[in-house]
Amino acid sequence: MADAEQGAAAGDPAEVESVLGYEQARDELIEVVRSLEAGGTTLEESLALWERGEELAKVCRHWLEGARARLDAALAEPSGNA
């Protein structure tokens, strides 16, 4: 993991978002889940993966909430085509 990503991972989702886009966070989260499901890691490694997964899930949730807010705002605007 890059130093910038590692440092941002300790912050709030908005800080991590500036480093990770939704797709990148989602893809990394998928890899974290696969690693955890595959097993073969020590307890410490598993805990680190779990913590990273939690951070990535927060980033994804933040992006999705932002998208939902933008969609809601767009739908609430009066249509000029009426």
C-alpha atoms as a PDB file:
ATOM      1  CA  MET A   1       0.000   0.000   0.000  1.00  0.00           C
ATOM      2  CA  ALA A   2       1.356   3.451  -0.869  1.00  0.00           C
ATOM      3  CA  ASP A   3       2.380   5.766   1.955  1.00  0.00           C
ATOM      4  CA  ALA A   4      -0.270   8.319   0.973  1.00  0.00           C
ATOM      5  CA  GLU A   5      -2.976   5.668   1.070  1.00  0.00           C
ATOM      6  CA  GLN A   6      -1.739   4.271   4.365  1.00  0.00           C
ATOM      7  CA  GLY A   7      -1.711   7.716   5.987  1.00  0.00           C
ATOM      8  CA  ALA A   8      -5.134   8.587   4.639  1.00  0.00           C
ATOM      9  CA  ALA A   9      -6.545   5.260   5.822  1.00  0.00           C
ATOM     10  CA  ALA A  10      -6.189   6.426   9.402  1.00  0.00           C
ATOM     11  CA  GLY A  11      -8.318   9.540   8.725  1.00  0.00           C
ATOM     12  CA  ASP A  12     -11.960  10.065   8.020  1.00  0.00           C
ATOM     13  CA  PRO A  13     -13.598   8.748   4.838  1.00  0.00           C
ATOM     14  CA  ALA A  14     -13.412  12.164   3.149  1.00  0.00           C
ATOM     15  CA  GLU A  15      -9.615  12.159   3.528  1.00  0.00           C
ATOM     16  CA  VAL A  16      -9.336   8.612   2.256  1.00  0.00           C
ATOM     17  CA  GLU A  17     -11.713   9.477  -0.594  1.00  0.00           C
ATOM     18  CA  SER A  18      -9.252  12.103  -1.832  1.00  0.00           C
ATOM     19  CA  VAL A  19      -6.780   9.255  -2.381  1.00  0.00           C
ATOM     20  CA  LEU A  20      -9.171   6.454  -3.344  1.00  0.00           C
ATOM     21  CA  GLY A  21     -11.995   6.634  -5.810  1.00  0.00           C
ATOM     22  CA  TYR A  22     -15.051   4.466  -5.341  1.00  0.00           C
ATOM     23  CA  GLU A  23     -13.973   1.809  -7.822  1.00  0.00           C
ATOM     24  CA  GLN A  24     -10.467   1.570  -6.389  1.00  0.00           C
ATOM     25  CA  ALA A  25     -11.795   1.254  -2.822  1.00  0.00           C
ATOM     26  CA  ARG A  26     -14.357  -1.344  -3.927  1.00  0.00           C
ATOM     27  CA  ASP A  27     -11.769  -3.399  -5.780  1.00  0.00           C
ATOM     28  CA  GLU A  28      -9.370  -3.323  -2.845  1.00  0.00           C
ATOM     29  CA  LEU A  29     -12.215  -4.284  -0.504  1.00  0.00           C
ATOM     30  CA  ILE A  30     -12.981  -7.282  -2.713  1.00  0.00           C
ATOM     31  CA  GLU A  31      -9.345  -8.382  -2.431  1.00  0.00           C
ATOM     32  CA  VAL A  32      -9.396  -7.944   1.342  1.00  0.00           C
ATOM     33  CA  VAL A  33     -12.502 -10.124   1.595  1.00  0.00           C
ATOM     34  CA  ARG A  34     -10.948 -12.772  -0.649  1.00  0.00           C
ATOM     35  CA  SER A  35      -7.813 -12.819   1.498  1.00  0.00           C
ATOM     36  CA  LEU A  36      -9.844 -13.190   4.679  1.00  0.00           C
ATOM     37  CA  GLU A  37     -11.993 -15.942   3.181  1.00  0.00           C
ATOM     38  CA  ALA A  38      -8.944 -17.822   1.886  1.00  0.00           C
ATOM     39  CA  GLY A  39      -7.449 -17.965   5.367  1.00  0.00           C
ATOM     40  CA  GLY A  40      -3.846 -18.905   5.923  1.00  0.00           C
ATOM     41  CA  THR A  41      -3.024 -15.621   7.631  1.00  0.00           C
ATOM     42  CA  THR A  42      -1.948 -15.009  11.187  1.00  0.00           C
ATOM     43  CA  LEU A  43      -4.321 -13.437  13.664  1.00  0.00           C
ATOM     44  CA  GLU A  44      -2.462 -10.130  13.385  1.00  0.00           C
ATOM     45  CA  GLU A  45      -2.623 -10.212   9.585  1.00  0.00           C
ATOM     46  CA  SER A  46      -6.324 -11.054   9.709  1.00  0.00           C
ATOM     47  CA  LEU A  47      -7.009  -8.188  12.092  1.00  0.00           C
ATOM     48  CA  ALA A  48      -5.077  -5.773   9.871  1.00  0.00           C
ATOM     49  CA  LEU A  49      -7.046  -6.950   6.848  1.00  0.00           C
ATOM     50  CA  TRP A  50     -10.316  -6.578   8.750  1.00  0.00           C
ATOM     51  CA  GLU A  51      -9.417  -3.026   9.811  1.00  0.00           C
ATOM     52  CA  ARG A  52      -8.464  -2.117   6.245  1.00  0.00           C
ATOM     53  CA  GLY A  53     -11.731  -3.600   5.034  1.00  0.00           C
ATOM     54  CA  GLU A  54     -13.686  -1.470   7.497  1.00  0.00           C
ATOM     55  CA  GLU A  55     -11.933   1.670   6.246  1.00  0.00           C
ATOM     56  CA  LEU A  56     -12.563   0.728   2.630  1.00  0.00           C
ATOM     57  CA  ALA A  57     -16.226   0.047   3.374  1.00  0.00           C
ATOM     58  CA  LYS A  58     -16.505   3.530   4.920  1.00  0.00           C
ATOM     59  CA  VAL A  59     -14.985   5.059   1.795  1.00  0.00           C
ATOM     60  CA  CYS A  60     -17.431   3.178  -0.437  1.00  0.00           C
ATOM     61  CA  ARG A  61     -20.357   4.162   1.777  1.00  0.00           C
ATOM     62  CA  HIS A  62     -19.225   7.815   1.706  1.00  0.00           C
ATOM     63  CA  TRP A  63     -19.059   7.795  -2.110  1.00  0.00           C
ATOM     64  CA  LEU A  64     -22.466   6.118  -2.396  1.00  0.00           C
ATOM     65  CA  GLU A  65     -24.095   8.535   0.055  1.00  0.00           C
ATOM     66  CA  GLY A  66     -22.666  11.429  -1.949  1.00  0.00           C
ATOM     67  CA  ALA A  67     -24.011   9.956  -5.170  1.00  0.00           C
ATOM     68  CA  ARG A  68     -27.430   9.451  -3.560  1.00  0.00           C
ATOM     69  CA  ALA A  69     -27.478  13.068  -2.368  1.00  0.00           C
ATOM     70  CA  ARG A  70     -26.602  14.312  -5.865  1.00  0.00           C
ATOM     71  CA  LEU A  71     -29.298  12.121  -7.402  1.00  0.00           C
ATOM     72  CA  ASP A  72     -31.886  13.284  -4.864  1.00  0.00           C
ATOM     73  CA  ALA A  73     -30.944  16.919  -5.543  1.00  0.00           C
ATOM     74  CA  ALA A  74     -31.210  16.400  -9.295  1.00  0.00           C
ATOM     75  CA  LEU A  75     -34.612  14.737  -8.951  1.00  0.00           C
ATOM     76  CA  ALA A  76     -35.859  17.528  -6.686  1.00  0.00           C
ATOM     77  CA  GLU A  77     -35.045  20.245  -9.240  1.00  0.00           C
ATOM     78  CA  PRO A  78     -38.016  21.439 -11.229  1.00  0.00           C
ATOM     79  CA  SER A  79     -37.908  20.170 -14.787  1.00  0.00           C
ATOM     80  CA  GLY A  80     -37.602  22.798 -17.483  1.00  0.00           C
ATOM     81  CA  ASN A  81     -39.144  20.438 -20.026  1.00  0.00           C
ATOM     82  CA  ALA A  82     -42.696  20.542 -18.598  1.00  0.00           C
END
